[in-house]
């Protein structure tokens, strides 16, 4: 009995989402610009849920137990999205969208170096 109680106490406080999908997981931005992304959000579980982007206190969207929707956002850095229950705000799952930055002028600099030696 003591071991069972210990096991229950060690269980994580995060409930598990039956399904939670965000796509795409990577957003590419040009240097010094924001990344415009249309995020496809899908979840399927037992109760209504809400999608959060910490540190914002208000949800980006809330919906029924089964939801499929698109969400247009501007991201400047890697962003962790949290799916929480609509009533108690208990975390169900999280996903991270990576933001990659490309400098389109870097190719010109490399080309000049290769033609004229290092400059």
Protein backbone atom coordinates (compact mmCIF):
# COMPACT_ATOMS: atom_id res chain seq x y z
CA UNK A 1 0.00 0.00 0.00
CA UNK A 2 2.84 2.39 0.83
CA UNK A 3 4.37 1.87 -2.63
CA UNK A 4 1.06 2.46 -4.38
CA UNK A 5 0.61 5.77 -2.55
CA UNK A 6 4.16 6.80 -3.44
CA UNK A 7 3.55 5.91 -7.11
CA UNK A 8 0.35 8.00 -7.22
CA UNK A 9 2.14 10.98 -5.66
CA UNK A 10 4.92 10.80 -8.23
CA UNK A 11 2.59 10.90 -11.23
CA UNK A 12 2.92 14.14 -13.24
CA UNK A 13 0.25 16.78 -12.75
CA UNK A 14 -0.25 17.11 -16.51
CA UNK A 15 -3.22 15.35 -18.06
CA UNK A 16 -2.64 13.82 -21.45
CA UNK A 17 -4.36 14.99 -24.61
CA UNK A 18 -5.77 12.21 -26.75
CA UNK A 19 -4.60 14.14 -29.83
CA UNK A 20 -3.03 17.58 -30.29
CA UNK A 21 -1.47 18.58 -33.61
CA UNK A 22 0.03 21.87 -34.79
CA UNK A 23 1.40 22.23 -38.33
CA UNK A 24 3.75 23.42 -39.61
CA UNK A 25 6.30 23.08 -36.80
CA UNK A 26 8.83 25.37 -38.53
CA UNK A 27 8.39 28.96 -39.72
CA UNK A 28 11.05 30.64 -41.90
CA UNK A 29 11.53 34.39 -41.68
CA UNK A 30 13.75 36.84 -43.49
CA UNK A 31 16.27 38.60 -41.26
CA UNK A 32 14.74 41.64 -39.48
CA UNK A 33 11.16 40.53 -40.33
CA UNK A 34 8.43 38.65 -38.49
CA UNK A 35 7.44 35.19 -39.53
CA UNK A 36 3.88 35.11 -40.89
CA UNK A 37 2.41 31.66 -40.34
CA UNK A 38 -0.98 30.05 -40.82
CA UNK A 39 -1.06 27.44 -38.11
CA UNK A 40 -3.31 24.43 -38.53
CA UNK A 41 -4.62 23.45 -35.11
CA UNK A 42 -6.30 20.14 -34.37
CA UNK A 43 -7.23 18.42 -31.14
CA UNK A 44 -9.47 15.57 -30.16
CA UNK A 45 -10.15 14.71 -26.52
CA UNK A 46 -12.72 14.24 -23.82
CA UNK A 47 -13.56 17.85 -22.94
CA UNK A 48 -13.44 21.38 -24.40
CA UNK A 49 -9.96 22.92 -24.48
CA UNK A 50 -8.12 26.20 -25.13
CA UNK A 51 -4.88 27.02 -26.92
CA UNK A 52 -2.49 29.40 -25.13
CA UNK A 53 0.73 31.14 -26.15
CA UNK A 54 2.50 32.00 -22.87
CA UNK A 55 3.05 34.49 -21.35
CA UNK A 56 -0.33 35.71 -22.68
CA UNK A 57 -3.06 35.11 -20.11
CA UNK A 58 -5.93 34.98 -22.63
CA UNK A 59 -6.30 31.96 -24.94
CA UNK A 60 -5.72 32.25 -28.68
CA UNK A 61 -8.77 30.06 -29.23
CA UNK A 62 -11.10 27.74 -27.35
CA UNK A 63 -13.27 25.02 -28.74
CA UNK A 64 -15.15 21.79 -28.24
CA UNK A 65 -13.59 18.41 -27.50
CA UNK A 66 -12.89 17.99 -31.22
CA UNK A 67 -11.54 21.03 -33.06
CA UNK A 68 -9.85 21.69 -36.39
CA UNK A 69 -9.08 25.30 -37.30
CA UNK A 70 -6.52 27.60 -38.92
CA UNK A 71 -4.92 30.45 -37.02
CA UNK A 72 -2.90 33.28 -38.63
CA UNK A 73 -0.03 34.54 -36.44
CA UNK A 74 3.15 36.63 -36.52
CA UNK A 75 6.07 35.02 -34.67
CA UNK A 76 9.51 36.50 -33.94
CA UNK A 77 11.05 33.63 -31.98
CA UNK A 78 10.53 29.98 -31.08
CA UNK A 79 7.09 29.75 -29.48
CA UNK A 80 5.66 27.17 -27.10
CA UNK A 81 1.91 26.60 -27.42
CA UNK A 82 -0.05 25.00 -24.60
CA UNK A 83 -3.33 23.10 -24.82
CA UNK A 84 -5.28 23.42 -21.56
CA UNK A 85 -8.67 22.31 -20.36
CA UNK A 86 -11.28 25.03 -20.83
CA UNK A 87 -12.63 24.83 -17.29
CA UNK A 88 -9.65 24.28 -14.96
CA UNK A 89 -6.84 25.47 -17.30
CA UNK A 90 -4.93 22.25 -16.56
CA UNK A 91 -2.19 21.65 -19.12
CA UNK A 92 -2.95 18.78 -21.50
CA UNK A 93 -0.07 19.07 -23.97
CA UNK A 94 2.44 21.48 -25.46
CA UNK A 95 4.09 21.95 -28.85
CA UNK A 96 6.89 24.26 -29.98
CA UNK A 97 7.03 26.09 -33.31
CA UNK A 98 10.63 26.79 -34.35
CA UNK A 99 11.40 30.08 -36.12
CA UNK A 100 14.33 29.97 -38.53
CA UNK A 101 15.91 33.17 -39.84
CA UNK A 102 17.42 33.42 -43.32
CA UNK A 103 19.65 36.28 -44.46
CA UNK A 104 19.15 36.52 -48.22
CA UNK A 105 22.09 38.96 -48.50
CA UNK A 106 24.51 36.44 -47.02
CA UNK A 107 24.81 34.72 -50.41
CA UNK A 108 26.12 37.93 -52.02
CA UNK A 109 28.82 38.23 -49.37
CA UNK A 110 29.88 34.63 -49.87
CA UNK A 111 29.94 35.06 -53.65
CA UNK A 112 32.21 38.13 -53.38
CA UNK A 113 34.56 36.26 -51.05
CA UNK A 114 34.83 33.33 -53.43
CA UNK A 115 35.59 35.58 -56.43
CA UNK A 116 38.03 38.00 -54.79
CA UNK A 117 39.42 36.05 -51.89
CA UNK A 118 38.52 36.95 -48.33
CA UNK A 119 37.38 40.54 -47.88
